Protein backbone atom coordinates (compact mmCIF):
# COMPACT_ATOMS: atom_id res chain seq x y z
CA MET A 1 -4.42 -20.34 -9.27
CA ARG A 2 -2.28 -17.38 -8.20
CA LEU A 3 -2.67 -15.58 -5.47
CA PHE A 4 -1.48 -11.64 -3.90
CA LEU A 5 -1.65 -10.76 -0.23
CA VAL A 6 -2.14 -7.49 -0.49
CA VAL A 7 -1.05 -5.55 3.21
CA ARG A 8 -0.59 -2.63 4.54
CA HIS A 9 2.19 -1.93 6.45
CA GLY A 10 2.13 -2.25 9.83
CA GLN A 11 1.36 1.29 12.59
CA SER A 12 4.50 3.15 11.89
CA LEU A 13 5.82 6.01 14.52
CA PHE A 14 4.54 8.28 12.23
CA ASN A 15 0.99 7.30 12.97
CA VAL A 16 1.33 7.37 16.25
CA ASP A 17 2.11 10.89 15.98
CA LYS A 18 -0.19 11.83 13.09
CA VAL A 19 2.38 12.99 11.28
CA VAL A 20 2.51 12.77 7.31
CA ASN A 21 5.13 10.90 5.66
CA GLY A 22 5.72 11.00 1.56
CA ASP A 23 9.32 10.44 1.52
CA PRO A 24 10.82 7.20 2.33
CA ALA A 25 14.29 8.76 3.34
CA LEU A 26 12.39 10.23 6.07
CA ASP A 27 10.32 7.28 7.48
CA ARG A 28 11.05 6.58 11.00
CA GLY A 29 9.74 2.46 10.80
CA LEU A 30 7.24 0.59 12.98
CA SER A 31 6.12 1.42 16.44
CA GLU A 32 5.70 -1.47 19.13
CA GLN A 33 1.95 -2.04 18.33
CA GLY A 34 3.32 -2.16 14.41
CA ILE A 35 5.74 -4.71 15.23
CA GLU A 36 3.17 -6.66 17.00
CA GLU A 37 0.62 -6.58 13.94
CA ALA A 38 3.51 -7.43 11.67
CA GLU A 39 4.19 -10.68 13.84
CA ARG A 40 0.77 -11.48 13.96
CA LEU A 41 0.49 -11.15 10.40
CA ALA A 42 3.61 -13.75 10.45
CA GLY A 43 1.40 -16.40 11.85
CA GLN A 44 -1.51 -15.90 9.22
CA LEU A 45 1.19 -16.52 6.37
CA ALA A 46 2.88 -19.31 7.96
CA ALA A 47 1.09 -21.84 6.24
CA LEU A 48 1.02 -20.04 2.61
CA PRO A 49 3.83 -20.64 0.16
CA LEU A 50 5.61 -17.42 -0.94
CA GLU A 51 7.65 -16.70 -3.83
CA LEU A 52 7.88 -13.04 -3.73
CA VAL A 53 7.10 -10.15 -1.62
CA ALA A 54 6.90 -6.83 -3.31
CA VAL A 55 7.37 -3.97 -1.32
CA SER A 56 7.50 -0.29 -1.40
CA PRO A 57 10.48 1.51 -0.70
CA PHE A 58 9.60 2.55 2.36
CA PRO A 59 10.81 1.27 5.86
CA ARG A 60 8.00 0.54 7.35
CA ALA A 61 6.80 -1.67 4.29
CA LEU A 62 10.25 -3.75 4.36
CA GLN A 63 9.76 -4.03 8.49
CA THR A 64 6.41 -5.19 8.32
CA ALA A 65 7.60 -7.70 5.36
CA ASN A 66 10.67 -8.93 7.03
CA ILE A 67 8.88 -9.54 10.03
CA ALA A 68 5.81 -11.35 8.58
CA LEU A 69 8.07 -13.37 6.47
CA ALA A 70 9.61 -14.92 9.94
CA GLY A 71 12.85 -15.73 8.40
CA ARG A 72 11.96 -17.45 5.40
CA ASP A 73 13.69 -16.96 2.34
CA VAL A 74 11.53 -15.26 -0.25
CA PRO A 75 12.62 -12.84 -2.92
CA HIS A 76 12.18 -9.11 -2.70
CA LEU A 77 11.17 -6.36 -5.08
CA VAL A 78 11.24 -3.13 -4.05
CA ASP A 79 8.87 -1.15 -6.44
CA GLU A 80 8.93 2.78 -6.09
CA ASP A 81 5.74 2.55 -7.69
CA LEU A 82 3.74 1.39 -4.69
CA GLY A 83 5.22 4.44 -2.07
CA ASP A 84 2.98 6.31 -0.52
CA ILE A 85 1.21 9.13 -1.70
CA ARG A 86 3.97 12.22 -2.57
CA ILE A 87 2.70 15.07 -0.71
CA GLY A 88 5.62 17.50 -1.68
CA ASP A 89 5.59 20.61 1.05
CA LEU A 90 3.18 18.56 3.23
CA GLU A 91 6.15 15.92 4.05
CA GLY A 92 6.38 16.14 8.31
CA ASP A 93 2.93 18.24 8.47
CA SER A 94 -0.05 16.85 10.29
CA LEU A 95 -2.34 14.58 9.49
CA ASP A 96 -5.10 17.19 9.91
CA ALA A 97 -3.45 19.38 7.52
CA TYR A 98 -3.25 16.83 4.69
CA ARG A 99 -6.38 16.41 5.08
CA GLU A 100 -7.37 19.92 5.10
CA ALA A 101 -5.37 20.47 1.48
CA PRO A 102 -7.65 21.01 -1.35
CA ALA A 103 -5.80 18.02 -3.50
CA HIS A 104 -7.36 16.10 -0.50
CA HIS A 105 -10.43 16.67 -1.92
CA ASP A 106 -9.77 17.00 -5.07
CA ARG A 107 -8.34 14.61 -6.55
CA LYS A 108 -7.11 16.04 -10.01
CA LYS A 109 -4.84 19.03 -7.91
CA LEU A 110 -1.25 18.06 -7.03
CA PHE A 111 -0.13 18.32 -3.41
CA PRO A 112 2.38 21.21 -3.42
CA GLY A 113 5.58 20.00 -4.54
CA GLY A 114 3.82 16.57 -4.85
CA GLU A 115 1.57 14.60 -6.79
CA SER A 116 -2.66 14.20 -7.26
CA LEU A 117 -3.81 11.51 -5.29
CA ASP A 118 -5.15 10.38 -9.42
CA ASN A 119 -1.52 10.35 -10.29
CA ALA A 120 -0.79 7.99 -7.36
CA ALA A 121 -3.45 5.65 -8.78
CA LEU A 122 -2.08 5.63 -11.87
CA ARG A 123 1.36 4.53 -10.49
CA TYR A 124 0.04 1.98 -8.15
CA ALA A 125 -2.12 0.35 -11.14
CA SER A 126 1.36 0.35 -13.01
CA ALA A 127 2.76 -1.66 -9.90
CA PHE A 128 0.63 -4.05 -9.49
CA GLU A 129 -0.03 -4.38 -13.18
CA ARG A 130 4.32 -5.27 -13.21
CA LEU A 131 3.31 -7.87 -10.66
CA LEU A 132 0.96 -9.49 -12.89
CA ALA A 133 2.88 -9.75 -15.65
CA ARG A 134 5.22 -11.71 -13.40
CA ASP A 135 4.70 -15.87 -12.76
CA GLU A 136 4.90 -16.45 -9.27
CA PRO A 137 2.00 -18.51 -7.77
CA GLY A 138 1.94 -16.44 -4.23
CA THR A 139 3.32 -12.73 -4.13
CA LEU A 140 2.92 -10.39 -0.66
CA VAL A 141 2.61 -6.91 -1.72
CA VAL A 142 3.41 -4.94 1.38
CA CYS A 143 2.76 -1.23 0.90
CA HIS A 144 0.62 1.57 2.36
CA GLU A 145 -3.36 2.00 2.85
CA ILE A 146 -4.14 4.07 -0.12
CA PRO A 147 -2.93 1.66 -2.73
CA VAL A 148 -4.90 -1.09 -0.68
CA ARG A 149 -7.85 0.73 -0.29
CA TYR A 150 -7.52 1.82 -4.28
CA LEU A 151 -7.19 -2.53 -5.15
CA VAL A 152 -10.30 -3.28 -2.20
CA ASN A 153 -12.74 -0.53 -3.65
CA GLY A 154 -11.96 -1.38 -7.40
CA ALA A 155 -12.39 -5.05 -7.11
CA ALA A 156 -15.52 -4.42 -5.64
CA GLY A 157 -16.71 -2.55 -8.59
CA SER A 158 -17.53 0.67 -6.71
CA GLY A 159 -17.63 4.30 -8.22
CA GLU A 160 -15.19 5.40 -6.22
CA LEU A 161 -11.44 4.88 -5.00
CA ASP A 162 -12.29 5.99 -1.19
CA GLY A 163 -15.07 3.96 -0.82
CA PRO A 164 -17.06 2.25 0.25
CA LEU A 165 -14.06 0.73 2.01
CA HIS A 166 -12.09 3.91 3.53
CA TYR A 167 -10.26 2.51 6.40
CA VAL A 168 -7.53 0.37 6.02
CA THR A 169 -6.44 -2.06 9.11
CA ASN A 170 -2.97 -2.16 9.47
CA ALA A 171 -1.25 -5.35 9.26
CA ALA A 172 -4.17 -6.69 7.55
CA PRO A 173 -3.76 -9.10 4.67
CA TYR A 174 -6.38 -8.70 1.58
CA LEU A 175 -6.27 -11.64 -1.20
CA PHE A 176 -6.62 -11.24 -4.43
CA ASP A 177 -6.65 -13.86 -7.20
CA ASP A 178 -4.87 -13.31 -10.92
CA ARG A 179 -8.93 -12.09 -12.10
CA SER A 180 -9.46 -9.94 -8.95
CA LEU A 181 -6.46 -8.24 -8.63
CA ARG A 182 -7.04 -7.20 -12.77
CA HIS A 183 -10.40 -6.19 -12.42
CA ALA A 184 -9.27 -3.78 -9.35
CA VAL A 185 -6.40 -2.41 -11.47
CA GLY A 186 -8.77 -1.72 -14.79
CA ARG A 187 -11.18 -0.17 -12.38
CA ILE A 188 -8.75 2.16 -10.99
CA ARG A 189 -7.39 3.11 -14.05
CA GLU A 190 -10.63 3.78 -15.26
CA LEU A 191 -11.48 6.22 -11.81
CA ALA A 192 -8.77 7.90 -11.83
CA GLY A 193 -7.56 8.21 -15.78
């Protein structure tokens, strides 16, 4: 049986400041709490064989993965499609401004200079399909809140990608086998397509 452990990165400095960041070049990394969360994750993963770690291009995701691997020599795959929502003109703005944007309430609308939530969902689905096409028995995926939320809700057969699970805890692993990940990806495609 293949296992996929999908994790939101540890708390970032942007999380602390309640600022949105969709550009990996501007990422400021993990907070002290985020480092501690990644260290706790390392304990949870210590006994599990992992043959691949797939990460978003954001430094906060890579930092979380490397701390969680605790020095293990596991090949890394950076996948641009696992990156956070591309928010365009809202880069560096407040979380409140992001939540007030029309695109936050209408999945088909583009964030000014960015992408729509549905575009992001389809991008995430493509990234997970590429992982499903590989053959590693154990894969750690470190990405962001939105793709984790979409996967969990898709796997549960929810009628919407944003619920019932809405808040995804930092550095908490969600476990999928091959079948449940395929189901989740299919549901994402169905709801965002």
